[in-house]
Amino acid sequence: MKTGLFLGKFSIFHKGHQFVVDTALQEVDRLIVLIYDSPSTTDIPLDVRAHWIEALYPAVEVIAGHHAPECAGYTDEIKRTQEQYVLRMLNGTQITHFYSSKPYGEHMSEALQ
């Protein structure tokens, strides 16, 4: 079974995000979208952002990532913190496909293996 993960804040769920979801849905059997809670970067509540995706894509499993790490950057410590959080939120789910256009895509892909 192919399981995909798309990770982000989705502070505005735009056409680019929709393109990634549409592409992923053609490539995997199961798609998980993990949305980071990020009160320091967006005023849009996490549950509202999660609902946008659930309404457009009922077949997608949306995980609202409450209490996400607020740290940003690419130090080894920050990367480890982010990776551990994502792995904890996935609760052992094996990811075969990871979708990202952000610089964290590379280190997160390695952590998901």
PDB file of N, CA and C in Angstrom:
ATOM      1  N   MET A   1       0.840  -1.179   0.000  1.00  0.00           N
ATOM      2  CA  MET A   1       0.000   0.000   0.000  1.00  0.00           C
ATOM      3  C   MET A   1       0.887   1.245   0.000  1.00  0.00           C
ATOM      4  N   LYS A   2       0.569   2.169  -0.863  1.00  0.00           N
ATOM      5  CA  LYS A   2       1.311   3.422  -0.947  1.00  0.00           C
ATOM      6  C   LYS A   2       0.606   4.472  -0.089  1.00  0.00           C
ATOM      7  N   THR A   3       1.362   5.040   0.848  1.00  0.00           N
ATOM      8  CA  THR A   3       0.812   6.061   1.738  1.00  0.00           C
ATOM      9  C   THR A   3       1.628   7.333   1.591  1.00  0.00           C
ATOM     10  N   GLY A   4       0.950   8.425   1.266  1.00  0.00           N
ATOM     11  CA  GLY A   4       1.608   9.706   1.083  1.00  0.00           C
ATOM     12  C   GLY A   4       1.379  10.638   2.255  1.00  0.00           C
ATOM     13  N   LEU A   5       2.330  11.569   2.420  1.00  0.00           N
ATOM     14  CA  LEU A   5       2.229  12.601   3.444  1.00  0.00           C
ATOM     15  C   LEU A   5       2.527  13.946   2.811  1.00  0.00           C
ATOM     16  N   PHE A   6       1.656  14.900   3.079  1.00  0.00           N
ATOM     17  CA  PHE A   6       1.850  16.290   2.674  1.00  0.00           C
ATOM     18  C   PHE A   6       1.785  17.100   3.959  1.00  0.00           C
ATOM     19  N   LEU A   7       2.822  17.847   4.222  1.00  0.00           N
ATOM     20  CA  LEU A   7       3.006  18.537   5.491  1.00  0.00           C
ATOM     21  C   LEU A   7       3.054  20.038   5.264  1.00  0.00           C
ATOM     22  N   GLY A   8       2.373  20.806   6.110  1.00  0.00           N
ATOM     23  CA  GLY A   8       2.458  22.255   5.992  1.00  0.00           C
ATOM     24  C   GLY A   8       1.577  22.982   6.975  1.00  0.00           C
ATOM     25  N   LYS A   9       1.619  24.309   6.890  1.00  0.00           N
ATOM     26  CA  LYS A   9       0.752  25.152   7.719  1.00  0.00           C
ATOM     27  C   LYS A   9      -0.566  25.435   6.993  1.00  0.00           C
ATOM     28  N   PHE A  10      -0.484  25.557   5.678  1.00  0.00           N
ATOM     29  CA  PHE A  10      -1.663  25.807   4.843  1.00  0.00           C
ATOM     30  C   PHE A  10      -2.466  26.995   5.370  1.00  0.00           C
ATOM     31  N   SER A  11      -1.731  28.094   5.670  1.00  0.00           N
ATOM     32  CA  SER A  11      -2.394  29.262   6.260  1.00  0.00           C
ATOM     33  C   SER A  11      -3.344  29.918   5.272  1.00  0.00           C
ATOM     34  N   ILE A  12      -3.157  29.643   4.029  1.00  0.00           N
ATOM     35  CA  ILE A  12      -4.161  29.812   2.988  1.00  0.00           C
ATOM     36  C   ILE A  12      -3.988  28.578   2.106  1.00  0.00           C
ATOM     37  N   PHE A  13      -5.013  27.785   1.991  1.00  0.00           N
ATOM     38  CA  PHE A  13      -4.935  26.587   1.157  1.00  0.00           C
ATOM     39  C   PHE A  13      -5.196  27.028  -0.280  1.00  0.00           C
ATOM     40  N   HIS A  14      -4.106  27.142  -1.055  1.00  0.00           N
ATOM     41  CA  HIS A  14      -4.198  27.742  -2.390  1.00  0.00           C
ATOM     42  C   HIS A  14      -4.089  26.693  -3.504  1.00  0.00           C
ATOM     43  N   LYS A  15      -4.157  27.166  -4.733  1.00  0.00           N
ATOM     44  CA  LYS A  15      -4.156  26.287  -5.915  1.00  0.00           C
ATOM     45  C   LYS A  15      -2.896  25.426  -5.991  1.00  0.00           C
ATOM     46  N   GLY A  16      -1.767  25.946  -5.551  1.00  0.00           N
ATOM     47  CA  GLY A  16      -0.543  25.146  -5.530  1.00  0.00           C
ATOM     48  C   GLY A  16      -0.669  23.960  -4.599  1.00  0.00           C
ATOM     49  N   HIS A  17      -1.249  24.179  -3.432  1.00  0.00           N
ATOM     50  CA  HIS A  17      -1.497  23.073  -2.502  1.00  0.00           C
ATOM     51  C   HIS A  17      -2.462  22.072  -3.120  1.00  0.00           C
ATOM     52  N   GLN A  18      -3.500  22.589  -3.768  1.00  0.00           N
ATOM     53  CA  GLN A  18      -4.468  21.692  -4.405  1.00  0.00           C
ATOM     54  C   GLN A  18      -3.800  20.850  -5.490  1.00  0.00           C
ATOM     55  N   PHE A  19      -2.883  21.435  -6.222  1.00  0.00           N
ATOM     56  CA  PHE A  19      -2.163  20.684  -7.257  1.00  0.00           C
ATOM     57  C   PHE A  19      -1.385  19.530  -6.630  1.00  0.00           C
ATOM     58  N   VAL A  20      -0.731  19.793  -5.521  1.00  0.00           N
ATOM     59  CA  VAL A  20       0.034  18.733  -4.850  1.00  0.00           C
ATOM     60  C   VAL A  20      -0.908  17.629  -4.371  1.00  0.00           C
ATOM     61  N   VAL A  21      -2.015  18.003  -3.759  1.00  0.00           N
ATOM     62  CA  VAL A  21      -2.974  16.994  -3.277  1.00  0.00           C
ATOM     63  C   VAL A  21      -3.534  16.197  -4.452  1.00  0.00           C
ATOM     64  N   ASP A  22      -3.921  16.872  -5.524  1.00  0.00           N
ATOM     65  CA  ASP A  22      -4.456  16.170  -6.696  1.00  0.00           C
ATOM     66  C   ASP A  22      -3.433  15.202  -7.274  1.00  0.00           C
ATOM     67  N   THR A  23      -2.189  15.629  -7.357  1.00  0.00           N
ATOM     68  CA  THR A  23      -1.115  14.763  -7.857  1.00  0.00           C
ATOM     69  C   THR A  23      -0.923  13.568  -6.942  1.00  0.00           C
ATOM     70  N   ALA A  24      -0.860  13.827  -5.646  1.00  0.00           N
ATOM     71  CA  ALA A  24      -0.656  12.749  -4.677  1.00  0.00           C
ATOM     72  C   ALA A  24      -1.780  11.729  -4.737  1.00  0.00           C
ATOM     73  N   LEU A  25      -3.000  12.191  -4.864  1.00  0.00           N
ATOM     74  CA  LEU A  25      -4.137  11.272  -4.909  1.00  0.00           C
ATOM     75  C   LEU A  25      -4.084  10.334  -6.116  1.00  0.00           C
ATOM     76  N   GLN A  26      -3.398  10.753  -7.166  1.00  0.00           N
ATOM     77  CA  GLN A  26      -3.228   9.885  -8.334  1.00  0.00           C
ATOM     78  C   GLN A  26      -2.108   8.863  -8.122  1.00  0.00           C
ATOM     79  N   GLU A  27      -1.237   9.120  -7.151  1.00  0.00           N
ATOM     80  CA  GLU A  27      -0.041   8.290  -6.975  1.00  0.00           C
ATOM     81  C   GLU A  27      -0.089   7.359  -5.771  1.00  0.00           C
ATOM     82  N   VAL A  28      -0.961   7.632  -4.802  1.00  0.00           N
ATOM     83  CA  VAL A  28      -0.971   6.832  -3.577  1.00  0.00           C
ATOM     84  C   VAL A  28      -2.360   6.268  -3.305  1.00  0.00           C
ATOM     85  N   ASP A  29      -2.386   5.264  -2.440  1.00  0.00           N
ATOM     86  CA  ASP A  29      -3.654   4.663  -2.022  1.00  0.00           C
ATOM     87  C   ASP A  29      -4.280   5.432  -0.860  1.00  0.00           C
ATOM     88  N   ARG A  30      -3.428   6.039  -0.067  1.00  0.00           N
ATOM     89  CA  ARG A  30      -3.859   6.777   1.129  1.00  0.00           C
ATOM     90  C   ARG A  30      -3.032   8.052   1.215  1.00  0.00           C
ATOM     91  N   LEU A  31      -3.692   9.182   1.454  1.00  0.00           N
ATOM     92  CA  LEU A  31      -2.980  10.444   1.594  1.00  0.00           C
ATOM     93  C   LEU A  31      -3.307  11.070   2.942  1.00  0.00           C
ATOM     94  N   ILE A  32      -2.246  11.419   3.658  1.00  0.00           N
ATOM     95  CA  ILE A  32      -2.362  12.109   4.945  1.00  0.00           C
ATOM     96  C   ILE A  32      -1.856  13.534   4.749  1.00  0.00           C
ATOM     97  N   VAL A  33      -2.638  14.485   5.214  1.00  0.00           N
ATOM     98  CA  VAL A  33      -2.197  15.878   5.238  1.00  0.00           C
ATOM     99  C   VAL A  33      -2.066  16.264   6.704  1.00  0.00           C
ATOM    100  N   LEU A  34      -0.845  16.573   7.111  1.00  0.00           N
ATOM    101  CA  LEU A  34      -0.572  16.989   8.486  1.00  0.00           C
ATOM    102  C   LEU A  34      -0.412  18.501   8.499  1.00  0.00           C
ATOM    103  N   ILE A  35      -1.293  19.163   9.238  1.00  0.00           N
ATOM    104  CA  ILE A  35      -1.297  20.620   9.293  1.00  0.00           C
ATOM    105  C   ILE A  35      -0.717  21.065  10.629  1.00  0.00           C
ATOM    106  N   TYR A  36       0.316  21.868  10.548  1.00  0.00           N
ATOM    107  CA  TYR A  36       0.952  22.413  11.740  1.00  0.00           C
ATOM    108  C   TYR A  36       0.119  23.532  12.344  1.00  0.00           C
ATOM    109  N   ASP A  37      -0.045  23.475  13.650  1.00  0.00           N
ATOM    110  CA  ASP A  37      -0.573  24.613  14.384  1.00  0.00           C
ATOM    111  C   ASP A  37       0.548  25.647  14.402  1.00  0.00           C
ATOM    112  N   SER A  38       0.264  26.867  14.075  1.00  0.00           N
ATOM    113  CA  SER A  38       1.320  27.876  13.976  1.00  0.00           C
ATOM    114  C   SER A  38       0.796  29.263  14.334  1.00  0.00           C
ATOM    115  N   PRO A  39       0.437  29.450  15.606  1.00  0.00           N
ATOM    116  CA  PRO A  39      -0.147  30.737  15.988  1.00  0.00           C
ATOM    117  C   PRO A  39       0.799  31.927  15.802  1.00  0.00           C
ATOM    118  N   SER A  40       2.088  31.684  15.739  1.00  0.00           N
ATOM    119  CA  SER A  40       3.022  32.807  15.556  1.00  0.00           C
ATOM    120  C   SER A  40       3.085  33.281  14.102  1.00  0.00           C
ATOM    121  N   THR A  41       2.584  32.467  13.161  1.00  0.00           N
ATOM    122  CA  THR A  41       2.660  32.862  11.751  1.00  0.00           C
ATOM    123  C   THR A  41       1.304  33.037  11.076  1.00  0.00           C
ATOM    124  N   THR A  42       0.235  32.593  11.718  1.00  0.00           N
ATOM    125  CA  THR A  42      -1.095  32.770  11.119  1.00  0.00           C
ATOM    126  C   THR A  42      -2.146  32.953  12.211  1.00  0.00           C
ATOM    127  N   ASP A  43      -3.101  33.821  11.910  1.00  0.00           N
ATOM    128  CA  ASP A  43      -4.229  34.035  12.822  1.00  0.00           C
ATOM    129  C   ASP A  43      -5.388  33.089  12.517  1.00  0.00           C
ATOM    130  N   ILE A  44      -5.273  32.331  11.450  1.00  0.00           N
ATOM    131  CA  ILE A  44      -6.351  31.423  11.061  1.00  0.00           C
ATOM    132  C   ILE A  44      -6.262  30.176  11.935  1.00  0.00           C
ATOM    133  N   PRO A  45      -7.286  29.880  12.697  1.00  0.00           N
ATOM    134  CA  PRO A  45      -7.234  28.729  13.606  1.00  0.00           C
ATOM    135  C   PRO A  45      -6.957  27.420  12.859  1.00  0.00           C
ATOM    136  N   LEU A  46      -6.250  26.550  13.535  1.00  0.00           N
ATOM    137  CA  LEU A  46      -5.878  25.249  12.970  1.00  0.00           C
ATOM    138  C   LEU A  46      -7.101  24.470  12.493  1.00  0.00           C
ATOM    139  N   ASP A  47      -8.149  24.438  13.281  1.00  0.00           N
ATOM    140  CA  ASP A  47      -9.333  23.661  12.902  1.00  0.00           C
ATOM    141  C   ASP A  47     -10.014  24.215  11.652  1.00  0.00           C
ATOM    142  N   VAL A  48      -9.931  25.518  11.448  1.00  0.00           N
ATOM    143  CA  VAL A  48     -10.485  26.126  10.235  1.00  0.00           C
ATOM    144  C   VAL A  48      -9.667  25.671   9.032  1.00  0.00           C
ATOM    145  N   ARG A  49      -8.343  25.717   9.153  1.00  0.00           N
ATOM    146  CA  ARG A  49      -7.483  25.286   8.045  1.00  0.00           C
ATOM    147  C   ARG A  49      -7.681  23.807   7.739  1.00  0.00           C
ATOM    148  N   ALA A  50      -7.845  22.993   8.767  1.00  0.00           N
ATOM    149  CA  ALA A  50      -8.089  21.562   8.560  1.00  0.00           C
ATOM    150  C   ALA A  50      -9.422  21.349   7.838  1.00  0.00           C
ATOM    151  N   HIS A  51     -10.439  22.115   8.225  1.00  0.00           N
ATOM    152  CA  HIS A  51     -11.762  21.975   7.611  1.00  0.00           C
ATOM    153  C   HIS A  51     -11.733  22.321   6.117  1.00  0.00           C
ATOM    154  N   TRP A  52     -10.929  23.314   5.724  1.00  0.00           N
ATOM    155  CA  TRP A  52     -10.822  23.652   4.303  1.00  0.00           C
ATOM    156  C   TRP A  52     -10.461  22.408   3.488  1.00  0.00           C
ATOM    157  N   ILE A  53      -9.464  21.682   3.966  1.00  0.00           N
ATOM    158  CA  ILE A  53      -8.974  20.515   3.223  1.00  0.00           C
ATOM    159  C   ILE A  53      -9.980  19.376   3.301  1.00  0.00           C
ATOM    160  N   GLU A  54     -10.546  19.151   4.469  1.00  0.00           N
ATOM    161  CA  GLU A  54     -11.551  18.094   4.619  1.00  0.00           C
ATOM    162  C   GLU A  54     -12.756  18.339   3.711  1.00  0.00           C
ATOM    163  N   ALA A  55     -13.151  19.591   3.567  1.00  0.00           N
ATOM    164  CA  ALA A  55     -14.313  19.918   2.724  1.00  0.00           C
ATOM    165  C   ALA A  55     -14.017  19.680   1.250  1.00  0.00           C
ATOM    166  N   LEU A  56     -12.821  20.026   0.818  1.00  0.00           N
ATOM    167  CA  LEU A  56     -12.447  19.846  -0.589  1.00  0.00           C
ATOM    168  C   LEU A  56     -12.078  18.410  -0.928  1.00  0.00           C
ATOM    169  N   TYR A  57     -11.503  17.709   0.045  1.00  0.00           N
ATOM    170  CA  TYR A  57     -10.963  16.365  -0.195  1.00  0.00           C
ATOM    171  C   TYR A  57     -11.414  15.401   0.902  1.00  0.00           C
ATOM    172  N   PRO A  58     -12.642  14.942   0.857  1.00  0.00           N
ATOM    173  CA  PRO A  58     -13.129  14.045   1.907  1.00  0.00           C
ATOM    174  C   PRO A  58     -12.367  12.719   1.991  1.00  0.00           C
ATOM    175  N   ALA A  59     -11.685  12.330   0.918  1.00  0.00           N
ATOM    176  CA  ALA A  59     -10.933  11.068   0.936  1.00  0.00           C
ATOM    177  C   ALA A  59      -9.564  11.209   1.594  1.00  0.00           C
ATOM    178  N   VAL A  60      -9.145  12.431   1.879  1.00  0.00           N
ATOM    179  CA  VAL A  60      -7.841  12.679   2.476  1.00  0.00           C
ATOM    180  C   VAL A  60      -7.959  12.631   3.994  1.00  0.00           C
ATOM    181  N   GLU A  61      -6.989  11.977   4.629  1.00  0.00           N
ATOM    182  CA  GLU A  61      -6.939  11.951   6.089  1.00  0.00           C
ATOM    183  C   GLU A  61      -6.200  13.199   6.565  1.00  0.00           C
ATOM    184  N   VAL A  62      -6.896  14.057   7.264  1.00  0.00           N
ATOM    185  CA  VAL A  62      -6.305  15.310   7.745  1.00  0.00           C
ATOM    186  C   VAL A  62      -5.985  15.162   9.224  1.00  0.00           C
ATOM    187  N   ILE A  63      -4.736  15.448   9.567  1.00  0.00           N
ATOM    188  CA  ILE A  63      -4.323  15.451  10.965  1.00  0.00           C
ATOM    189  C   ILE A  63      -4.036  16.897  11.352  1.00  0.00           C
ATOM    190  N   ALA A  64      -4.810  17.400  12.309  1.00  0.00           N
ATOM    191  CA  ALA A  64      -4.582  18.745  12.825  1.00  0.00           C
ATOM    192  C   ALA A  64      -3.509  18.645  13.906  1.00  0.00           C
ATOM    193  N   GLY A  65      -2.359  19.170  13.606  1.00  0.00           N
ATOM    194  CA  GLY A  65      -1.195  19.046  14.492  1.00  0.00           C
ATOM    195  C   GLY A  65      -1.165  20.085  15.593  1.00  0.00           C
ATOM    196  N   HIS A  66      -2.011  19.886  16.587  1.00  0.00           N
ATOM    197  CA  HIS A  66      -2.015  20.789  17.738  1.00  0.00           C
ATOM    198  C   HIS A  66      -0.678  20.686  18.474  1.00  0.00           C
ATOM    199  N   HIS A  67      -0.255  21.772  19.076  1.00  0.00           N
ATOM    200  CA  HIS A  67       0.970  21.832  19.884  1.00  0.00           C
ATOM    201  C   HIS A  67       2.222  21.502  19.074  1.00  0.00           C
ATOM    202  N   ALA A  68       2.230  21.930  17.830  1.00  0.00           N
ATOM    203  CA  ALA A  68       3.406  21.725  16.975  1.00  0.00           C
ATOM    204  C   ALA A  68       4.563  22.592  17.461  1.00  0.00           C
ATOM    205  N   PRO A  69       5.780  22.160  17.196  1.00  0.00           N
ATOM    206  CA  PRO A  69       6.926  22.987  17.589  1.00  0.00           C
ATOM    207  C   PRO A  69       6.885  24.329  16.866  1.00  0.00           C
ATOM    208  N   GLU A  70       7.189  25.379  17.578  1.00  0.00           N
ATOM    209  CA  GLU A  70       7.199  26.725  16.994  1.00  0.00           C
ATOM    210  C   GLU A  70       8.557  27.076  16.394  1.00  0.00           C
ATOM    211  N   CYS A  71       9.555  26.265  16.660  1.00  0.00           N
ATOM    212  CA  CYS A  71      10.894  26.580  16.169  1.00  0.00           C
ATOM    213  C   CYS A  71      10.959  26.426  14.651  1.00  0.00           C
ATOM    214  N   ALA A  72      11.721  27.310  14.034  1.00  0.00           N
ATOM    215  CA  ALA A  72      11.897  27.262  12.582  1.00  0.00           C
ATOM    216  C   ALA A  72      13.384  27.384  12.280  1.00  0.00           C
ATOM    217  N   GLY A  73      13.777  26.814  11.178  1.00  0.00           N
ATOM    218  CA  GLY A  73      15.183  26.882  10.784  1.00  0.00           C
ATOM    219  C   GLY A  73      15.718  25.506  10.471  1.00  0.00           C
ATOM    220  N   TYR A  74      17.011  25.442  10.246  1.00  0.00           N
ATOM    221  CA  TYR A  74      17.591  24.189   9.763  1.00  0.00           C
ATOM    222  C   TYR A  74      18.826  23.765  10.543  1.00  0.00           C
ATOM    223  N   THR A  75      18.873  24.135  11.823  1.00  0.00           N
ATOM    224  CA  THR A  75      19.941  23.584  12.645  1.00  0.00           C
ATOM    225  C   THR A  75      19.614  22.116  12.888  1.00  0.00           C
ATOM    226  N   ASP A  76      20.618  21.338  13.257  1.00  0.00           N
ATOM    227  CA  ASP A  76      20.378  19.921  13.517  1.00  0.00           C
ATOM    228  C   ASP A  76      19.344  19.732  14.622  1.00  0.00           C
ATOM    229  N   GLU A  77      19.403  20.566  15.652  1.00  0.00           N
ATOM    230  CA  GLU A  77      18.461  20.444  16.769  1.00  0.00           C
ATOM    231  C   GLU A  77      17.027  20.744  16.324  1.00  0.00           C
ATOM    232  N   ILE A  78      16.845  21.790  15.530  1.00  0.00           N
ATOM    233  CA  ILE A  78      15.507  22.132  15.047  1.00  0.00           C
ATOM    234  C   ILE A  78      14.982  21.045  14.115  1.00  0.00           C
ATOM    235  N   LYS A  79      15.823  20.556  13.229  1.00  0.00           N
ATOM    236  CA  LYS A  79      15.379  19.480  12.329  1.00  0.00           C
ATOM    237  C   LYS A  79      14.947  18.255  13.125  1.00  0.00           C
ATOM    238  N   ARG A  80      15.725  17.871  14.127  1.00  0.00           N
ATOM    239  CA  ARG A  80      15.370  16.704  14.953  1.00  0.00           C
ATOM    240  C   ARG A  80      14.038  16.930  15.665  1.00  0.00           C
ATOM    241  N   THR A  81      13.845  18.140  16.210  1.00  0.00           N
ATOM    242  CA  THR A  81      12.595  18.461  16.905  1.00  0.00           C
ATOM    243  C   THR A  81      11.407  18.314  15.957  1.00  0.00           C
ATOM    244  N   GLN A  82      11.526  18.860  14.761  1.00  0.00           N
ATOM    245  CA  GLN A  82      10.450  18.775  13.772  1.00  0.00           C
ATOM    246  C   GLN A  82      10.208  17.320  13.349  1.00  0.00           C
ATOM    247  N   GLU A  83      11.278  16.602  13.087  1.00  0.00           N
ATOM    248  CA  GLU A  83      11.157  15.201  12.660  1.00  0.00           C
ATOM    249  C   GLU A  83      10.477  14.359  13.729  1.00  0.00           C
ATOM    250  N   GLN A  84      10.894  14.525  14.977  1.00  0.00           N
ATOM    251  CA  GLN A  84      10.301  13.748  16.069  1.00  0.00           C
ATOM    252  C   GLN A  84       8.817  14.060  16.222  1.00  0.00           C
ATOM    253  N   TYR A  85       8.459  15.323  16.057  1.00  0.00           N
ATOM    254  CA  TYR A  85       7.053  15.705  16.153  1.00  0.00           C
ATOM    255  C   TYR A  85       6.224  15.017  15.059  1.00  0.00           C
ATOM    256  N   VAL A  86       6.701  15.081  13.824  1.00  0.00           N
ATOM    257  CA  VAL A  86       5.968  14.466  12.712  1.00  0.00           C
ATOM    258  C   VAL A  86       5.842  12.966  12.920  1.00  0.00           C
ATOM    259  N   LEU A  87       6.911  12.312  13.306  1.00  0.00           N
ATOM    260  CA  LEU A  87       6.866  10.868  13.536  1.00  0.00           C
ATOM    261  C   LEU A  87       5.885  10.527  14.662  1.00  0.00           C
ATOM    262  N   ARG A  88       5.863  11.341  15.695  1.00  0.00           N
ATOM    263  CA  ARG A  88       4.921  11.123  16.800  1.00  0.00           C
ATOM    264  C   ARG A  88       3.478  11.281  16.312  1.00  0.00           C
ATOM    265  N   MET A  89       3.229  12.285  15.498  1.00  0.00           N
ATOM    266  CA  MET A  89       1.876  12.510  14.982  1.00  0.00           C
ATOM    267  C   MET A  89       1.429  11.377  14.052  1.00  0.00           C
ATOM    268  N   LEU A  90       2.375  10.770  13.362  1.00  0.00           N
ATOM    269  CA  LEU A  90       2.043   9.670  12.452  1.00  0.00           C
ATOM    270  C   LEU A  90       1.827   8.355  13.193  1.00  0.00           C
ATOM    271  N   ASN A  91       2.302   8.274  14.422  1.00  0.00           N
ATOM    272  CA  ASN A  91       2.046   7.124  15.285  1.00  0.00           C
ATOM    273  C   ASN A  91       2.361   5.788  14.612  1.00  0.00           C
ATOM    274  N   GLY A  92       3.516   5.726  13.980  1.00  0.00           N
ATOM    275  CA  GLY A  92       3.956   4.467  13.383  1.00  0.00           C
ATOM    276  C   GLY A  92       3.510   4.222  11.951  1.00  0.00           C
ATOM    277  N   THR A  93       2.723   5.105  11.388  1.00  0.00           N
ATOM    278  CA  THR A  93       2.288   4.939  10.002  1.00  0.00           C
ATOM    279  C   THR A  93       3.488   5.003   9.074  1.00  0.00           C
ATOM    280  N   GLN A  94       3.625   4.014   8.218  1.00  0.00           N
ATOM    281  CA  GLN A  94       4.718   3.958   7.257  1.00  0.00           C
ATOM    282  C   GLN A  94       4.387   4.831   6.057  1.00  0.00           C
ATOM    283  N   ILE A  95       5.234   5.809   5.787  1.00  0.00           N
ATOM    284  CA  ILE A  95       5.037   6.724   4.667  1.00  0.00           C
ATOM    285  C   ILE A  95       5.914   6.265   3.507  1.00  0.00           C
ATOM    286  N   THR A  96       5.309   6.115   2.345  1.00  0.00           N
ATOM    287  CA  THR A  96       6.065   5.711   1.153  1.00  0.00           C
ATOM    288  C   THR A  96       6.325   6.874   0.211  1.00  0.00           C
ATOM    289  N   HIS A  97       5.515   7.919   0.309  1.00  0.00           N
ATOM    290  CA  HIS A  97       5.637   9.084  -0.568  1.00  0.00           C
ATOM    291  C   HIS A  97       5.493  10.354   0.281  1.00  0.00           C
ATOM    292  N   PHE A  98       6.454  11.264   0.164  1.00  0.00           N
ATOM    293  CA  PHE A  98       6.399  12.524   0.895  1.00  0.00           C
ATOM    294  C   PHE A  98       6.378  13.665  -0.104  1.00  0.00           C
ATOM    295  N   TYR A  99       5.440  14.585   0.085  1.00  0.00           N
ATOM    296  CA  TYR A  99       5.249  15.695  -0.848  1.00  0.00           C
ATOM    297  C   TYR A  99       5.604  17.006  -0.160  1.00  0.00           C
ATOM    298  N   SER A 100       6.524  17.736  -0.783  1.00  0.00           N
ATOM    299  CA  SER A 100       6.936  19.020  -0.221  1.00  0.00           C
ATOM    300  C   SER A 100       7.656  19.840  -1.276  1.00  0.00           C
ATOM    301  N   SER A 101       7.471  21.141  -1.201  1.00  0.00           N
ATOM    302  CA  SER A 101       8.246  22.042  -2.054  1.00  0.00           C
ATOM    303  C   SER A 101       9.148  22.912  -1.177  1.00  0.00           C
ATOM    304  N   LYS A 102       9.177  22.627   0.080  1.00  0.00           N
ATOM    305  CA  LYS A 102       9.939  23.411   1.046  1.00  0.00           C
ATOM    306  C   LYS A 102      11.307  22.783   1.292  1.00  0.00           C
ATOM    307  N   PRO A 103      12.257  23.576   1.779  1.00  0.00           N
ATOM    308  CA  PRO A 103      13.602  23.038   2.054  1.00  0.00           C
ATOM    309  C   PRO A 103      13.620  21.898   3.066  1.00  0.00           C
ATOM    310  N   TYR A 104      12.621  21.825   3.947  1.00  0.00           N
ATOM    311  CA  TYR A 104      12.607  20.738   4.934  1.00  0.00           C
ATOM    312  C   TYR A 104      12.285  19.393   4.295  1.00  0.00           C
ATOM    313  N   GLY A 105      11.885  19.401   3.043  1.00  0.00           N
ATOM    314  CA  GLY A 105      11.526  18.152   2.380  1.00  0.00           C
ATOM    315  C   GLY A 105      12.626  17.113   2.389  1.00  0.00           C
ATOM    316  N   GLU A 106      13.848  17.556   2.202  1.00  0.00           N
ATOM    317  CA  GLU A 106      14.958  16.609   2.127  1.00  0.00           C
ATOM    318  C   GLU A 106      15.186  15.906   3.476  1.00  0.00           C
ATOM    319  N   HIS A 107      15.358  16.667   4.547  1.00  0.00           N
ATOM    320  CA  HIS A 107      15.636  16.008   5.824  1.00  0.00           C
ATOM    321  C   HIS A 107      14.410  15.264   6.354  1.00  0.00           C
ATOM    322  N   MET A 108      13.216  15.761   6.058  1.00  0.00           N
ATOM    323  CA  MET A 108      12.018  15.054   6.522  1.00  0.00           C
ATOM    324  C   MET A 108      11.857  13.735   5.774  1.00  0.00           C
ATOM    325  N   SER A 109      12.175  13.723   4.486  1.00  0.00           N
ATOM    326  CA  SER A 109      12.111  12.479   3.716  1.00  0.00           C
ATOM    327  C   SER A 109      13.027  11.423   4.305  1.00  0.00           C
ATOM    328  N   GLU A 110      14.213  11.838   4.690  1.00  0.00           N
ATOM    329  CA  GLU A 110      15.153  10.892   5.304  1.00  0.00           C
ATOM    330  C   GLU A 110      14.618  10.370   6.638  1.00  0.00           C
ATOM    331  N   ALA A 111      14.016  11.245   7.430  1.00  0.00           N
ATOM    332  CA  ALA A 111      13.485  10.821   8.739  1.00  0.00           C
ATOM    333  C   ALA A 111      12.321   9.852   8.593  1.00  0.00           C
ATOM    334  N   LEU A 112      11.582   9.959   7.485  1.00  0.00           N
ATOM    335  CA  LEU A 112      10.416   9.105   7.275  1.00  0.00           C
ATOM    336  C   LEU A 112      10.775   7.696   6.787  1.00  0.00           C
ATOM    337  N   GLN A 113      12.011   7.496   6.429  1.00  0.00           N
ATOM    338  CA  GLN A 113      12.408   6.175   5.895  1.00  0.00           C
ATOM    339  C   GLN A 113      12.511   5.142   6.980  1.00  0.00           C
TER     340      GLN A 113
END
